[in-house]
C-alpha atoms as a PDB file:
ATOM      1  CA  MET A   1       7.545   2.471 -61.217  1.00  0.00           C
ATOM      2  CA  PRO A   2       7.734  -1.112 -59.863  1.00  0.00           C
ATOM      3  CA  ALA A   3       4.521  -2.618 -58.504  1.00  0.00           C
ATOM      4  CA  MET A   4       4.040  -2.343 -54.752  1.00  0.00           C
ATOM      5  CA  SER A   5       3.732  -5.601 -52.787  1.00  0.00           C
ATOM      6  CA  SER A   6       0.435  -6.051 -50.961  1.00  0.00           C
ATOM      7  CA  ASP A   7       1.959  -8.254 -48.250  1.00  0.00           C
ATOM      8  CA  LEU A   8       4.853  -7.232 -46.037  1.00  0.00           C
ATOM      9  CA  ILE A   9       5.817  -9.974 -43.599  1.00  0.00           C
ATOM     10  CA  GLY A  10       8.153  -9.533 -40.656  1.00  0.00           C
ATOM     11  CA  ILE A  11      10.313 -12.412 -39.433  1.00  0.00           C
ATOM     12  CA  LEU A  12      11.613 -12.539 -35.865  1.00  0.00           C
ATOM     13  CA  GLY A  13      13.771 -15.504 -34.948  1.00  0.00           C
ATOM     14  CA  GLY A  14      15.166 -16.524 -31.578  1.00  0.00           C
ATOM     15  CA  THR A  15      15.269 -19.200 -28.928  1.00  0.00           C
ATOM     16  CA  PHE A  16      12.551 -17.420 -26.887  1.00  0.00           C
ATOM     17  CA  ASP A  17      13.840 -19.139 -23.741  1.00  0.00           C
ATOM     18  CA  PRO A  18      11.674 -17.518 -22.448  1.00  0.00           C
ATOM     19  CA  ILE A  19       9.811 -15.023 -24.638  1.00  0.00           C
ATOM     20  CA  HIS A  20       9.752 -11.640 -22.844  1.00  0.00           C
ATOM     21  CA  ASN A  21       8.696  -8.021 -23.249  1.00  0.00           C
ATOM     22  CA  GLY A  22      12.030  -7.108 -24.812  1.00  0.00           C
ATOM     23  CA  HIS A  23      10.952  -9.261 -27.775  1.00  0.00           C
ATOM     24  CA  LEU A  24       7.311  -8.295 -27.794  1.00  0.00           C
ATOM     25  CA  ARG A  25       7.299  -4.504 -27.473  1.00  0.00           C
ATOM     26  CA  PRO A  26       9.721  -3.814 -30.369  1.00  0.00           C
ATOM     27  CA  ALA A  27       7.891  -6.365 -32.517  1.00  0.00           C
ATOM     28  CA  LEU A  28       4.609  -4.546 -31.924  1.00  0.00           C
ATOM     29  CA  GLU A  29       6.148  -1.169 -32.729  1.00  0.00           C
ATOM     30  CA  VAL A  30       7.598  -2.512 -35.992  1.00  0.00           C
ATOM     31  CA  LEU A  31       4.270  -4.142 -36.909  1.00  0.00           C
ATOM     32  CA  GLU A  32       2.503  -0.793 -36.521  1.00  0.00           C
ATOM     33  CA  ALA A  33       5.195   1.586 -37.794  1.00  0.00           C
ATOM     34  CA  LEU A  34       5.903  -0.348 -40.992  1.00  0.00           C
ATOM     35  CA  GLY A  35       2.342  -1.496 -41.606  1.00  0.00           C
ATOM     36  CA  LEU A  36       3.360  -5.142 -41.650  1.00  0.00           C
ATOM     37  CA  THR A  37       0.807  -7.731 -42.625  1.00  0.00           C
ATOM     38  CA  GLU A  38       2.112  -9.889 -39.774  1.00  0.00           C
ATOM     39  CA  VAL A  39       5.142 -10.665 -37.652  1.00  0.00           C
ATOM     40  CA  ARG A  40       6.124 -14.322 -37.650  1.00  0.00           C
ATOM     41  CA  PHE A  41       7.910 -15.507 -34.515  1.00  0.00           C
ATOM     42  CA  ILE A  42      10.200 -18.373 -35.531  1.00  0.00           C
ATOM     43  CA  PRO A  43      11.587 -20.274 -32.540  1.00  0.00           C
ATOM     44  CA  SER A  44      14.943 -21.937 -33.127  1.00  0.00           C
ATOM     45  CA  ARG A  45      15.361 -25.660 -32.498  1.00  0.00           C
ATOM     46  CA  ARG A  46      19.168 -25.795 -32.423  1.00  0.00           C
ATOM     47  CA  PRO A  47      20.657 -22.286 -32.415  1.00  0.00           C
ATOM     48  CA  PRO A  48      24.138 -22.446 -33.964  1.00  0.00           C
ATOM     49  CA  HIS A  49      25.558 -19.342 -32.229  1.00  0.00           C
ATOM     50  CA  ARG A  50      24.593 -19.881 -28.594  1.00  0.00           C
ATOM     51  CA  GLU A  51      24.065 -22.488 -25.908  1.00  0.00           C
ATOM     52  CA  GLN A  52      21.150 -24.831 -26.347  1.00  0.00           C
ATOM     53  CA  PRO A  53      17.842 -23.726 -24.779  1.00  0.00           C
ATOM     54  CA  ALA A  54      17.117 -24.664 -21.173  1.00  0.00           C
ATOM     55  CA  ALA A  55      13.395 -25.228 -21.795  1.00  0.00           C
ATOM     56  CA  THR A  56      12.164 -27.956 -24.102  1.00  0.00           C
ATOM     57  CA  VAL A  57      10.807 -27.271 -27.575  1.00  0.00           C
ATOM     58  CA  ALA A  58       7.266 -27.898 -26.307  1.00  0.00           C
ATOM     59  CA  GLN A  59       7.716 -25.534 -23.357  1.00  0.00           C
ATOM     60  CA  ARG A  60       9.175 -22.711 -25.448  1.00  0.00           C
ATOM     61  CA  LEU A  61       6.383 -23.103 -27.977  1.00  0.00           C
ATOM     62  CA  ALA A  62       3.751 -23.066 -25.224  1.00  0.00           C
ATOM     63  CA  MET A  63       5.201 -19.863 -23.732  1.00  0.00           C
ATOM     64  CA  LEU A  64       5.247 -18.210 -27.143  1.00  0.00           C
ATOM     65  CA  GLU A  65       1.625 -19.184 -27.773  1.00  0.00           C
ATOM     66  CA  LEU A  66       0.601 -17.683 -24.428  1.00  0.00           C
ATOM     67  CA  ALA A  67       2.561 -14.481 -25.042  1.00  0.00           C
ATOM     68  CA  ILE A  68       1.030 -13.604 -28.415  1.00  0.00           C
ATOM     69  CA  ALA A  69      -2.444 -15.089 -28.017  1.00  0.00           C
ATOM     70  CA  ASP A  70      -4.254 -11.746 -27.843  1.00  0.00           C
ATOM     71  CA  GLN A  71      -2.189  -9.721 -30.311  1.00  0.00           C
ATOM     72  CA  PRO A  72      -3.559  -9.433 -33.879  1.00  0.00           C
ATOM     73  CA  GLY A  73      -0.809  -9.634 -36.481  1.00  0.00           C
ATOM     74  CA  PHE A  74       1.460 -11.876 -34.404  1.00  0.00           C
ATOM     75  CA  ARG A  75       1.762 -15.529 -35.378  1.00  0.00           C
ATOM     76  CA  ILE A  76       4.072 -18.471 -34.757  1.00  0.00           C
ATOM     77  CA  ASP A  77       5.942 -20.261 -37.521  1.00  0.00           C
ATOM     78  CA  ASP A  78       7.366 -23.557 -36.231  1.00  0.00           C
ATOM     79  CA  ARG A  79       9.327 -24.653 -39.314  1.00  0.00           C
ATOM     80  CA  GLU A  80      12.677 -24.599 -37.504  1.00  0.00           C
ATOM     81  CA  LEU A  81      11.283 -26.795 -34.742  1.00  0.00           C
ATOM     82  CA  ARG A  82      10.284 -29.351 -37.374  1.00  0.00           C
ATOM     83  CA  ARG A  83      13.692 -29.348 -39.078  1.00  0.00           C
ATOM     84  CA  ASP A  84      16.629 -31.461 -37.937  1.00  0.00           C
ATOM     85  CA  GLY A  85      20.148 -30.085 -37.708  1.00  0.00           C
ATOM     86  CA  PRO A  86      21.323 -26.579 -36.809  1.00  0.00           C
ATOM     87  CA  SER A  87      18.683 -23.858 -37.237  1.00  0.00           C
ATOM     88  CA  TYR A  88      20.391 -21.743 -39.886  1.00  0.00           C
ATOM     89  CA  MET A  89      18.382 -18.641 -40.768  1.00  0.00           C
ATOM     90  CA  VAL A  90      19.381 -18.824 -44.428  1.00  0.00           C
ATOM     91  CA  ASP A  91      17.658 -22.230 -44.705  1.00  0.00           C
ATOM     92  CA  THR A  92      14.563 -20.852 -42.987  1.00  0.00           C
ATOM     93  CA  LEU A  93      14.403 -17.908 -45.365  1.00  0.00           C
ATOM     94  CA  ARG A  94      14.760 -20.131 -48.416  1.00  0.00           C
ATOM     95  CA  SER A  95      11.927 -22.292 -47.082  1.00  0.00           C
ATOM     96  CA  LEU A  96       9.749 -19.195 -46.612  1.00  0.00           C
ATOM     97  CA  ARG A  97      10.541 -18.001 -50.131  1.00  0.00           C
ATOM     98  CA  THR A  98       9.519 -21.369 -51.535  1.00  0.00           C
ATOM     99  CA  GLN A  99       6.228 -21.217 -49.636  1.00  0.00           C
ATOM    100  CA  LEU A 100       5.341 -17.542 -50.104  1.00  0.00           C
ATOM    101  CA  GLY A 101       6.765 -16.915 -53.565  1.00  0.00           C
ATOM    102  CA  GLU A 102       9.338 -14.560 -55.006  1.00  0.00           C
ATOM    103  CA  ASP A 103       7.091 -11.489 -55.023  1.00  0.00           C
ATOM    104  CA  CYS A 104       6.207 -11.328 -51.317  1.00  0.00           C
ATOM    105  CA  SER A 105       8.168  -8.688 -49.407  1.00  0.00           C
ATOM    106  CA  LEU A 106       9.908 -10.249 -46.406  1.00  0.00           C
ATOM    107  CA  CYS A 107      11.639  -8.364 -43.593  1.00  0.00           C
ATOM    108  CA  LEU A 108      14.072 -10.028 -41.223  1.00  0.00           C
ATOM    109  CA  ILE A 109      13.884  -8.115 -37.937  1.00  0.00           C
ATOM    110  CA  LEU A 110      17.241  -7.813 -36.166  1.00  0.00           C
ATOM    111  CA  GLY A 111      18.585  -6.028 -33.143  1.00  0.00           C
ATOM    112  CA  THR A 112      21.776  -4.025 -33.546  1.00  0.00           C
ATOM    113  CA  ASP A 113      23.884  -6.730 -31.873  1.00  0.00           C
ATOM    114  CA  ALA A 114      22.596  -9.394 -34.235  1.00  0.00           C
ATOM    115  CA  PHE A 115      23.169  -7.165 -37.254  1.00  0.00           C
ATOM    116  CA  ASP A 116      26.694  -6.354 -36.088  1.00  0.00           C
ATOM    117  CA  GLY A 117      27.387 -10.106 -35.934  1.00  0.00           C
ATOM    118  CA  LEU A 118      25.792 -10.893 -39.300  1.00  0.00           C
ATOM    119  CA  GLN A 119      29.114 -11.862 -40.865  1.00  0.00           C
ATOM    120  CA  SER A 120      29.349 -14.832 -38.478  1.00  0.00           C
ATOM    121  CA  TRP A 121      26.068 -16.314 -39.739  1.00  0.00           C
ATOM    122  CA  HIS A 122      26.019 -19.361 -41.993  1.00  0.00           C
ATOM    123  CA  ARG A 123      26.066 -18.251 -45.673  1.00  0.00           C
ATOM    124  CA  TRP A 124      25.257 -14.734 -44.519  1.00  0.00           C
ATOM    125  CA  GLN A 125      25.871 -13.158 -47.938  1.00  0.00           C
ATOM    126  CA  GLU A 126      22.762 -14.908 -49.278  1.00  0.00           C
ATOM    127  CA  ILE A 127      20.449 -13.406 -46.660  1.00  0.00           C
ATOM    128  CA  PRO A 128      20.109  -9.868 -48.126  1.00  0.00           C
ATOM    129  CA  GLU A 129      19.113 -11.463 -51.436  1.00  0.00           C
ATOM    130  CA  LEU A 130      16.216 -13.265 -49.740  1.00  0.00           C
ATOM    131  CA  VAL A 131      14.815 -10.546 -47.452  1.00  0.00           C
ATOM    132  CA  HIS A 132      15.009  -6.938 -46.413  1.00  0.00           C
ATOM    133  CA  LEU A 133      16.876  -6.372 -43.148  1.00  0.00           C
ATOM    134  CA  VAL A 134      15.068  -4.212 -40.594  1.00  0.00           C
ATOM    135  CA  VAL A 135      17.565  -3.221 -37.914  1.00  0.00           C
ATOM    136  CA  LEU A 136      16.044  -2.039 -34.649  1.00  0.00           C
ATOM    137  CA  HIS A 137      17.806   0.638 -32.638  1.00  0.00           C
ATOM    138  CA  ARG A 138      17.180   3.162 -29.912  1.00  0.00           C
ATOM    139  CA  PRO A 139      16.188   6.595 -31.242  1.00  0.00           C
ATOM    140  CA  GLY A 140      19.320   8.647 -31.900  1.00  0.00           C
ATOM    141  CA  ALA A 141      21.707   5.759 -31.287  1.00  0.00           C
ATOM    142  CA  GLY A 142      24.607   5.252 -33.671  1.00  0.00           C
ATOM    143  CA  LEU A 143      25.811   1.892 -34.926  1.00  0.00           C
ATOM    144  CA  PRO A 144      29.528   1.112 -35.335  1.00  0.00           C
ATOM    145  CA  LEU A 145      29.957  -1.160 -38.338  1.00  0.00           C
ATOM    146  CA  SER A 146      32.727  -3.247 -39.789  1.00  0.00           C
ATOM    147  CA  GLN A 147      34.028  -2.245 -43.199  1.00  0.00           C
ATOM    148  CA  VAL A 148      32.071  -5.050 -44.851  1.00  0.00           C
ATOM    149  CA  LEU A 149      28.776  -4.183 -43.152  1.00  0.00           C
ATOM    150  CA  GLY A 150      29.361  -0.475 -43.722  1.00  0.00           C
ATOM    151  CA  ASP A 151      29.745  -1.142 -47.432  1.00  0.00           C
ATOM    152  CA  LEU A 152      26.622  -3.319 -47.390  1.00  0.00           C
ATOM    153  CA  VAL A 153      24.612  -0.544 -45.748  1.00  0.00           C
ATOM    154  CA  GLY A 154      25.993   1.986 -48.205  1.00  0.00           C
ATOM    155  CA  GLN A 155      24.736  -0.120 -51.098  1.00  0.00           C
ATOM    156  CA  ARG A 156      21.362  -1.144 -49.664  1.00  0.00           C
ATOM    157  CA  LYS A 157      20.150   1.428 -47.129  1.00  0.00           C
ATOM    158  CA  LEU A 158      16.500   2.429 -47.402  1.00  0.00           C
ATOM    159  CA  HIS A 159      15.226   5.747 -46.105  1.00  0.00           C
ATOM    160  CA  HIS A 160      11.466   5.220 -45.990  1.00  0.00           C
ATOM    161  CA  PRO A 161       9.358   2.267 -44.797  1.00  0.00           C
ATOM    162  CA  GLN A 162       7.352   2.294 -48.029  1.00  0.00           C
ATOM    163  CA  ASP A 163      10.532   1.365 -49.900  1.00  0.00           C
ATOM    164  CA  LEU A 164      10.191  -2.123 -48.376  1.00  0.00           C
ATOM    165  CA  ARG A 165       7.184  -2.723 -50.625  1.00  0.00           C
ATOM    166  CA  VAL A 166       8.814  -1.690 -53.897  1.00  0.00           C
ATOM    167  CA  ARG A 167      10.792  -4.905 -54.157  1.00  0.00           C
ATOM    168  CA  PRO A 168      10.621  -8.187 -52.212  1.00  0.00           C
ATOM    169  CA  ALA A 169      14.141  -8.148 -50.744  1.00  0.00           C
ATOM    170  CA  GLY A 170      17.528  -6.481 -50.773  1.00  0.00           C
ATOM    171  CA  GLY A 171      17.115  -3.353 -48.644  1.00  0.00           C
ATOM    172  CA  ILE A 172      18.316  -2.366 -45.173  1.00  0.00           C
ATOM    173  CA  LEU A 173      16.091  -0.142 -43.052  1.00  0.00           C
ATOM    174  CA  PHE A 174      17.129   1.217 -39.656  1.00  0.00           C
ATOM    175  CA  GLN A 175      14.008   1.479 -37.509  1.00  0.00           C
ATOM    176  CA  PRO A 176      13.933   3.279 -34.141  1.00  0.00           C
ATOM    177  CA  VAL A 177      11.972   1.448 -31.434  1.00  0.00           C
ATOM    178  CA  THR A 178      11.602   1.381 -27.685  1.00  0.00           C
ATOM    179  CA  GLN A 179      14.284  -1.103 -26.712  1.00  0.00           C
ATOM    180  CA  LEU A 180      13.808  -2.605 -23.271  1.00  0.00           C
ATOM    181  CA  ASP A 181      16.966  -3.741 -21.504  1.00  0.00           C
ATOM    182  CA  ILE A 182      15.635  -7.237 -20.852  1.00  0.00           C
ATOM    183  CA  SER A 183      17.328 -10.509 -21.687  1.00  0.00           C
ATOM    184  CA  ALA A 184      16.253 -14.124 -21.382  1.00  0.00           C
ATOM    185  CA  THR A 185      19.648 -14.884 -19.835  1.00  0.00           C
ATOM    186  CA  ALA A 186      19.006 -12.381 -17.031  1.00  0.00           C
ATOM    187  CA  ILE A 187      15.484 -13.728 -16.482  1.00  0.00           C
ATOM    188  CA  ARG A 188      16.806 -17.276 -16.144  1.00  0.00           C
ATOM    189  CA  ALA A 189      19.470 -16.060 -13.713  1.00  0.00           C
ATOM    190  CA  GLN A 190      16.855 -14.285 -11.591  1.00  0.00           C
ATOM    191  CA  LEU A 191      14.740 -17.404 -11.438  1.00  0.00           C
ATOM    192  CA  ALA A 192      17.720 -19.580 -10.556  1.00  0.00           C
ATOM    193  CA  ALA A 193      18.470 -17.162  -7.713  1.00  0.00           C
ATOM    194  CA  GLY A 194      14.903 -17.420  -6.438  1.00  0.00           C
ATOM    195  CA  ASN A 195      13.851 -13.954  -7.593  1.00  0.00           C
ATOM    196  CA  SER A 196      10.705 -12.948  -9.485  1.00  0.00           C
ATOM    197  CA  PRO A 197      10.812 -11.850 -13.164  1.00  0.00           C
ATOM    198  CA  ARG A 198       7.356 -10.292 -12.950  1.00  0.00           C
ATOM    199  CA  TYR A 199       6.838  -7.289 -15.290  1.00  0.00           C
ATOM    200  CA  LEU A 200       9.707  -8.427 -17.534  1.00  0.00           C
ATOM    201  CA  LEU A 201       7.492 -10.855 -19.434  1.00  0.00           C
ATOM    202  CA  PRO A 202       3.759 -11.437 -19.923  1.00  0.00           C
ATOM    203  CA  GLU A 203       1.895 -12.558 -16.820  1.00  0.00           C
ATOM    204  CA  THR A 204       0.626 -15.649 -18.661  1.00  0.00           C
ATOM    205  CA  VAL A 205       4.212 -16.688 -19.411  1.00  0.00           C
ATOM    206  CA  TRP A 206       5.272 -16.078 -15.811  1.00  0.00           C
ATOM    207  CA  ALA A 207       2.368 -18.250 -14.615  1.00  0.00           C
ATOM    208  CA  TYR A 208       3.440 -21.023 -16.989  1.00  0.00           C
ATOM    209  CA  ILE A 209       7.052 -20.831 -15.788  1.00  0.00           C
ATOM    210  CA  ARG A 210       5.877 -21.200 -12.185  1.00  0.00           C
ATOM    211  CA  ASP A 211       3.568 -24.069 -13.075  1.00  0.00           C
ATOM    212  CA  GLN A 212       6.327 -25.921 -14.938  1.00  0.00           C
ATOM    213  CA  GLY A 213       9.058 -25.097 -12.412  1.00  0.00           C
ATOM    214  CA  LEU A 214      11.241 -23.770 -15.241  1.00  0.00           C
ATOM    215  CA  TYR A 215      14.713 -22.291 -14.826  1.00  0.00           C
ATOM    216  CA  ARG A 216      14.801 -22.803 -11.071  1.00  0.00           C
ATOM    217  CA  SER A 217      17.750 -24.109  -9.130  1.00  0.00           C
ATOM    218  CA  PRO A 218      17.003 -26.901  -6.643  1.00  0.00           C
ATOM    219  CA  PHE A 219      17.334 -24.336  -3.863  1.00  0.00           C
ATOM    220  CA  SER A 220      15.185 -21.505  -5.269  1.00  0.00           C
ATOM    221  CA  SER A 221      11.727 -20.792  -3.888  1.00  0.00           C
ATOM    222  CA  THR A 222      10.251 -18.140  -6.202  1.00  0.00           C
ATOM    223  CA  ALA A 223       6.550 -17.573  -5.508  1.00  0.00           C
END
């Protein structure tokens, strides 16, 4: 039987503009359910698939630091913020492999929408060779897949979390979590309209947004 990896590191990328409970709660559930050593939050500098962030790099990093400050097992990895050019995940994963070695088990944490769009990612075929894919979904929810992704799942699907430790990469695990219907886009829209996003994101992050005057239109007066 192959040796089991002692470390199992989760990777959660995003713009985090702003970080909110829809990021944090599933990440915590995955950390605990899979017995991850840590979850690394990797904020994107220049996301290639979406509009550029409204907050600055420093502001997004500050909000992320506030959000995870009291949670053991959560940490920030700022390598994409320090890299010029588009923030391609495949480059980030290769950088992590170089740093952590070929034997460390890595898990890229994806929502179902991101997984469904995997074929649009830069050099996406290389990604399953670098990491396991952990696809988060609501309990009992199905996932319509393209032919290509269906074949990929058929070849690589894992049935037990412990299988993630048998080899460092290459598997796909579907993990049920509590998925909160919260989006950063909706939070920014609420703020621009002068409404409060309280209870959608950590109170420390909400305080920072107010202090910095982030995401507000010139006519909003959120208190």
